[in-house]
Amino acid sequence: MTTFAVINDRGRRFRVETGHEIWIDLLKDASAGSKIVFDRVELLSDAGSIRVGEPTLTGAKVTGEILGAKNGKKMVVFKYRRRKNLRRRWGARARYTRVSIQEIQG
């Protein structure tokens, strides 16, 4: 069995393992190569034993390395009303920070 954890980053939960890469919401002040520590660990599984926090586990943390910023897929919004000559189209791209998980401590 592999060691994994469920972390909470600003309201979003991620299931992470060592070596995995996740995309979190943009951290504006983060630079590529710097370290980040997630201390809100909600669940930790190690060799079949599972620990669940209420709401978080004390002393558990997940360390990652920031790989850089990335744009997400473009979302296209189209607004249309029949017989009213109303057609609007616009789009937006979410920005993310790529993080590589280095270590899970519990």
Protein backbone atom coordinates (compact mmCIF):
# COMPACT_ATOMS: atom_id res chain seq x y z
CA MET A 1 0.00 0.00 0.00
CA THR A 2 1.20 3.49 -0.79
CA THR A 3 1.26 6.39 1.61
CA PHE A 4 -1.19 9.12 0.73
CA ALA A 5 -2.79 12.13 2.38
CA VAL A 6 -5.80 14.35 1.85
CA ILE A 7 -4.87 18.02 2.20
CA ASN A 8 -7.00 21.12 2.30
CA ASP A 9 -5.67 24.14 0.43
CA ARG A 10 -7.86 27.22 0.79
CA GLY A 11 -11.10 25.25 0.69
CA ARG A 12 -10.15 22.65 -1.93
CA ARG A 13 -9.21 19.09 -1.07
CA PHE A 14 -6.52 17.10 -2.85
CA ARG A 15 -5.49 13.46 -2.51
CA VAL A 16 -1.70 13.47 -2.80
CA GLU A 17 1.11 10.93 -2.88
CA THR A 18 4.86 11.42 -2.96
CA GLY A 19 5.97 12.26 -6.49
CA HIS A 20 2.55 13.38 -7.70
CA GLU A 21 1.93 16.76 -9.30
CA ILE A 22 -1.14 18.84 -8.43
CA TRP A 23 -2.52 22.13 -9.72
CA ILE A 24 -3.66 24.50 -6.97
CA ASP A 25 -5.18 27.95 -7.31
CA LEU A 26 -2.64 30.62 -8.22
CA LEU A 27 -0.17 31.74 -5.55
CA LYS A 28 0.88 35.20 -6.74
CA ASP A 29 3.96 35.57 -4.54
CA ALA A 30 5.36 32.07 -5.23
CA SER A 31 8.38 31.53 -7.45
CA ALA A 32 9.47 28.37 -9.22
CA GLY A 33 11.77 26.20 -7.12
CA SER A 34 10.54 27.43 -3.75
CA LYS A 35 9.08 25.10 -1.12
CA ILE A 36 5.50 25.09 0.14
CA VAL A 37 4.14 23.36 3.24
CA PHE A 38 0.53 22.19 3.54
CA ASP A 39 -0.23 21.87 7.25
CA ARG A 40 -3.98 21.29 6.93
CA VAL A 41 -3.88 17.49 6.54
CA GLU A 42 -7.33 15.94 6.95
CA LEU A 43 -6.52 12.26 6.37
CA LEU A 44 -3.33 10.23 6.39
CA SER A 45 -2.93 6.63 5.24
CA ASP A 46 0.33 4.82 5.91
CA ALA A 47 0.79 1.06 5.36
CA GLY A 48 -2.90 0.31 5.76
CA SER A 49 -3.49 2.37 8.91
CA ILE A 50 -5.72 5.38 8.39
CA ARG A 51 -5.81 8.45 10.61
CA VAL A 52 -8.63 10.94 10.21
CA GLY A 53 -8.46 14.45 11.65
CA GLU A 54 -11.22 16.30 13.43
CA PRO A 55 -11.00 18.53 11.37
CA THR A 56 -7.20 18.30 10.81
CA LEU A 57 -4.37 16.12 12.09
CA THR A 58 -1.94 17.74 14.50
CA GLY A 59 1.72 17.38 13.59
CA ALA A 60 1.06 16.15 10.06
CA LYS A 61 2.29 18.11 7.07
CA VAL A 62 2.93 17.71 3.36
CA THR A 63 5.91 19.39 1.70
CA GLY A 64 5.97 20.30 -1.98
CA GLU A 65 8.05 22.18 -4.52
CA ILE A 66 6.54 24.85 -6.75
CA LEU A 67 7.14 24.13 -10.43
CA GLY A 68 5.61 27.33 -11.83
CA ALA A 69 2.36 28.90 -12.97
CA LYS A 70 0.12 27.51 -15.70
CA ASN A 71 -3.06 28.56 -17.45
CA GLY A 72 -6.00 26.21 -17.38
CA LYS A 73 -8.33 25.35 -20.23
CA LYS A 74 -10.36 28.17 -21.72
CA MET A 75 -13.99 28.27 -20.68
CA VAL A 76 -16.23 29.73 -23.35
CA VAL A 77 -19.51 31.32 -22.27
CA PHE A 78 -22.20 31.97 -24.88
CA LYS A 79 -25.34 33.92 -24.09
CA TYR A 80 -28.23 33.75 -26.55
CA ARG A 81 -31.85 34.89 -26.55
CA ARG A 82 -34.02 33.83 -29.40
CA ARG A 83 -35.74 36.49 -31.51
CA LYS A 84 -34.04 39.30 -29.54
CA ASN A 85 -30.86 39.70 -31.61
CA LEU A 86 -28.78 39.04 -28.49
CA ARG A 87 -25.65 36.95 -28.92
CA ARG A 88 -22.68 37.36 -26.59
CA ARG A 89 -19.58 35.25 -26.42
CA TRP A 90 -16.66 35.61 -24.02
CA GLY A 91 -14.09 33.39 -22.38
CA ALA A 92 -11.84 33.14 -19.35
CA ARG A 93 -8.84 31.07 -18.33
CA ALA A 94 -8.17 30.09 -14.74
CA ARG A 95 -4.55 30.40 -13.54
CA TYR A 96 -2.97 27.63 -11.50
CA THR A 97 0.27 26.92 -9.65
CA ARG A 98 1.87 23.53 -10.34
CA VAL A 99 3.18 21.79 -7.21
CA SER A 100 5.21 18.57 -7.03
CA ILE A 101 4.70 16.65 -3.77
CA GLN A 102 8.06 15.85 -2.15
CA GLU A 103 7.34 14.45 1.33
CA ILE A 104 4.46 13.39 3.56
CA GLN A 105 5.10 13.54 7.31
CA GLY A 106 2.71 12.31 9.89
